[in-house]
């Protein structure tokens, strides 16, 4: 019986967030702030794409959480091979170099190694 109550409560609370978001979306100020946030994200992404384009063929240090998932540190030395609007192809410099394709939105920061 308690299990049923707990599962029912979890279902209600998850739907409650959706309901609150629905009512907030009707507010013009909320819509305006969401649009501003979206524009900021698009501008940051465009700047990152432009920066990546300027660093093609150069040695860089890129930070991404995806590298951590591949048992690497979050900051990795790479050579940028090519850049698309959504993806970047990198050559990771390790004992045994390998190529990897990463979504640009997963890249946290990029800096050139001098």
C-alpha atoms as a PDB file:
ATOM      1  CA  UNK A   1       0.000   0.000   0.000  1.00  0.00           C
ATOM      2  CA  UNK A   2       2.807   2.432   0.883  1.00  0.00           C
ATOM      3  CA  UNK A   3       4.564   1.653  -2.348  1.00  0.00           C
ATOM      4  CA  UNK A   4       1.437   2.628  -4.282  1.00  0.00           C
ATOM      5  CA  UNK A   5       1.208   5.941  -2.379  1.00  0.00           C
ATOM      6  CA  UNK A   6       4.868   6.748  -2.991  1.00  0.00           C
ATOM      7  CA  UNK A   7       4.633   5.964  -6.714  1.00  0.00           C
ATOM      8  CA  UNK A   8       1.439   8.042  -6.987  1.00  0.00           C
ATOM      9  CA  UNK A   9       3.085  10.989  -5.185  1.00  0.00           C
ATOM     10  CA  UNK A  10       6.112  10.844  -7.496  1.00  0.00           C
ATOM     11  CA  UNK A  11       3.835  10.827 -10.529  1.00  0.00           C
ATOM     12  CA  UNK A  12       1.931  13.868  -9.271  1.00  0.00           C
ATOM     13  CA  UNK A  13       5.071  15.861  -8.420  1.00  0.00           C
ATOM     14  CA  UNK A  14       6.672  15.240 -11.824  1.00  0.00           C
ATOM     15  CA  UNK A  15       3.497  16.360 -13.560  1.00  0.00           C
ATOM     16  CA  UNK A  16       3.271  19.351 -11.219  1.00  0.00           C
ATOM     17  CA  UNK A  17       6.511  20.775 -12.662  1.00  0.00           C
ATOM     18  CA  UNK A  18       5.051  20.503 -16.162  1.00  0.00           C
ATOM     19  CA  UNK A  19       1.889  22.251 -15.018  1.00  0.00           C
ATOM     20  CA  UNK A  20       3.850  25.093 -13.392  1.00  0.00           C
ATOM     21  CA  UNK A  21       5.951  25.480 -16.543  1.00  0.00           C
ATOM     22  CA  UNK A  22       2.757  25.614 -18.616  1.00  0.00           C
ATOM     23  CA  UNK A  23       1.303  28.458 -16.510  1.00  0.00           C
ATOM     24  CA  UNK A  24       4.623  30.336 -16.541  1.00  0.00           C
ATOM     25  CA  UNK A  25       4.747  30.110 -20.332  1.00  0.00           C
ATOM     26  CA  UNK A  26       1.574  32.218 -20.538  1.00  0.00           C
ATOM     27  CA  UNK A  27       3.320  35.144 -18.790  1.00  0.00           C
ATOM     28  CA  UNK A  28       4.778  37.630 -21.342  1.00  0.00           C
ATOM     29  CA  UNK A  29       7.718  38.515 -19.043  1.00  0.00           C
ATOM     30  CA  UNK A  30       8.619  34.851 -18.732  1.00  0.00           C
ATOM     31  CA  UNK A  31       8.459  34.412 -22.497  1.00  0.00           C
ATOM     32  CA  UNK A  32      10.672  37.469 -22.935  1.00  0.00           C
ATOM     33  CA  UNK A  33      13.283  36.187 -20.475  1.00  0.00           C
ATOM     34  CA  UNK A  34      13.293  32.757 -22.136  1.00  0.00           C
ATOM     35  CA  UNK A  35      13.787  34.395 -25.539  1.00  0.00           C
ATOM     36  CA  UNK A  36      16.727  36.424 -24.159  1.00  0.00           C
ATOM     37  CA  UNK A  37      18.294  33.281 -22.688  1.00  0.00           C
ATOM     38  CA  UNK A  38      17.883  31.515 -26.031  1.00  0.00           C
ATOM     39  CA  UNK A  39      19.521  34.425 -27.891  1.00  0.00           C
ATOM     40  CA  UNK A  40      22.461  34.452 -25.446  1.00  0.00           C
ATOM     41  CA  UNK A  41      22.989  30.737 -25.966  1.00  0.00           C
ATOM     42  CA  UNK A  42      22.886  31.139 -29.747  1.00  0.00           C
ATOM     43  CA  UNK A  43      25.386  34.025 -29.601  1.00  0.00           C
ATOM     44  CA  UNK A  44      27.763  32.041 -27.375  1.00  0.00           C
ATOM     45  CA  UNK A  45      27.539  29.070 -29.694  1.00  0.00           C
ATOM     46  CA  UNK A  46      28.191  31.229 -32.764  1.00  0.00           C
ATOM     47  CA  UNK A  47      31.269  32.715 -31.058  1.00  0.00           C
ATOM     48  CA  UNK A  48      32.519  29.230 -30.179  1.00  0.00           C
ATOM     49  CA  UNK A  49      32.009  28.005 -33.767  1.00  0.00           C
ATOM     50  CA  UNK A  50      33.900  31.042 -35.078  1.00  0.00           C
ATOM     51  CA  UNK A  51      36.729  30.440 -32.585  1.00  0.00           C
ATOM     52  CA  UNK A  52      36.931  26.763 -33.539  1.00  0.00           C
ATOM     53  CA  UNK A  53      37.079  27.703 -37.244  1.00  0.00           C
ATOM     54  CA  UNK A  54      39.996  30.033 -36.547  1.00  0.00           C
ATOM     55  CA  UNK A  55      41.877  27.242 -34.725  1.00  0.00           C
ATOM     56  CA  UNK A  56      41.621  24.531 -37.412  1.00  0.00           C
ATOM     57  CA  UNK A  57      44.943  22.723 -37.751  1.00  0.00           C
ATOM     58  CA  UNK A  58      46.366  24.181 -34.541  1.00  0.00           C
ATOM     59  CA  UNK A  59      47.162  22.521 -31.215  1.00  0.00           C
ATOM     60  CA  UNK A  60      44.504  23.393 -28.663  1.00  0.00           C
ATOM     61  CA  UNK A  61      43.211  22.427 -25.278  1.00  0.00           C
ATOM     62  CA  UNK A  62      39.512  21.644 -25.230  1.00  0.00           C
ATOM     63  CA  UNK A  63      37.372  21.134 -22.163  1.00  0.00           C
ATOM     64  CA  UNK A  64      34.329  18.882 -22.302  1.00  0.00           C
ATOM     65  CA  UNK A  65      32.590  16.499 -19.944  1.00  0.00           C
ATOM     66  CA  UNK A  66      32.485  13.904 -22.734  1.00  0.00           C
ATOM     67  CA  UNK A  67      36.231  13.365 -22.396  1.00  0.00           C
ATOM     68  CA  UNK A  68      35.722  12.465 -18.764  1.00  0.00           C
ATOM     69  CA  UNK A  69      33.244   9.790 -19.879  1.00  0.00           C
ATOM     70  CA  UNK A  70      35.947   8.384 -22.178  1.00  0.00           C
ATOM     71  CA  UNK A  71      38.296   7.963 -19.166  1.00  0.00           C
ATOM     72  CA  UNK A  72      40.277  11.081 -20.059  1.00  0.00           C
ATOM     73  CA  UNK A  73      40.628  14.282 -18.086  1.00  0.00           C
ATOM     74  CA  UNK A  74      38.055  16.958 -18.835  1.00  0.00           C
ATOM     75  CA  UNK A  75      40.778  19.091 -20.515  1.00  0.00           C
ATOM     76  CA  UNK A  76      42.491  17.354 -23.414  1.00  0.00           C
ATOM     77  CA  UNK A  77      45.187  18.443 -25.867  1.00  0.00           C
ATOM     78  CA  UNK A  78      43.862  18.097 -29.405  1.00  0.00           C
ATOM     79  CA  UNK A  79      44.342  19.263 -32.965  1.00  0.00           C
ATOM     80  CA  UNK A  80      41.164  20.586 -34.534  1.00  0.00           C
ATOM     81  CA  UNK A  81      40.710  18.903 -37.907  1.00  0.00           C
ATOM     82  CA  UNK A  82      37.369  20.241 -39.122  1.00  0.00           C
ATOM     83  CA  UNK A  83      34.370  22.185 -37.870  1.00  0.00           C
ATOM     84  CA  UNK A  84      30.764  21.936 -38.943  1.00  0.00           C
ATOM     85  CA  UNK A  85      27.826  23.991 -37.655  1.00  0.00           C
ATOM     86  CA  UNK A  86      27.014  21.299 -35.061  1.00  0.00           C
ATOM     87  CA  UNK A  87      30.109  19.069 -34.866  1.00  0.00           C
ATOM     88  CA  UNK A  88      33.873  19.343 -34.487  1.00  0.00           C
ATOM     89  CA  UNK A  89      36.381  16.648 -35.474  1.00  0.00           C
ATOM     90  CA  UNK A  90      39.368  16.422 -33.150  1.00  0.00           C
ATOM     91  CA  UNK A  91      42.596  14.465 -33.135  1.00  0.00           C
ATOM     92  CA  UNK A  92      43.291  13.653 -29.487  1.00  0.00           C
ATOM     93  CA  UNK A  93      46.969  13.624 -28.564  1.00  0.00           C
ATOM     94  CA  UNK A  94      47.663  10.653 -26.316  1.00  0.00           C
ATOM     95  CA  UNK A  95      50.262   7.895 -26.345  1.00  0.00           C
ATOM     96  CA  UNK A  96      48.092   6.374 -29.034  1.00  0.00           C
ATOM     97  CA  UNK A  97      46.418   9.270 -30.906  1.00  0.00           C
ATOM     98  CA  UNK A  98      42.841   8.868 -32.072  1.00  0.00           C
ATOM     99  CA  UNK A  99      40.150  10.940 -33.766  1.00  0.00           C
ATOM    100  CA  UNK A 100      36.855  11.831 -32.158  1.00  0.00           C
ATOM    101  CA  UNK A 101      33.804  13.800 -33.303  1.00  0.00           C
ATOM    102  CA  UNK A 102      32.146  15.940 -30.636  1.00  0.00           C
ATOM    103  CA  UNK A 103      28.992  18.051 -30.655  1.00  0.00           C
ATOM    104  CA  UNK A 104      29.880  21.720 -30.376  1.00  0.00           C
ATOM    105  CA  UNK A 105      27.320  22.238 -27.613  1.00  0.00           C
ATOM    106  CA  UNK A 106      29.258  19.734 -25.478  1.00  0.00           C
ATOM    107  CA  UNK A 107      32.463  21.811 -25.709  1.00  0.00           C
ATOM    108  CA  UNK A 108      32.829  23.941 -22.586  1.00  0.00           C
ATOM    109  CA  UNK A 109      35.936  25.919 -23.548  1.00  0.00           C
ATOM    110  CA  UNK A 110      38.743  25.999 -26.095  1.00  0.00           C
ATOM    111  CA  UNK A 111      42.170  27.604 -25.900  1.00  0.00           C
ATOM    112  CA  UNK A 112      45.192  27.586 -28.169  1.00  0.00           C
ATOM    113  CA  UNK A 113      48.395  25.996 -26.927  1.00  0.00           C
ATOM    114  CA  UNK A 114      51.298  28.339 -27.623  1.00  0.00           C
END
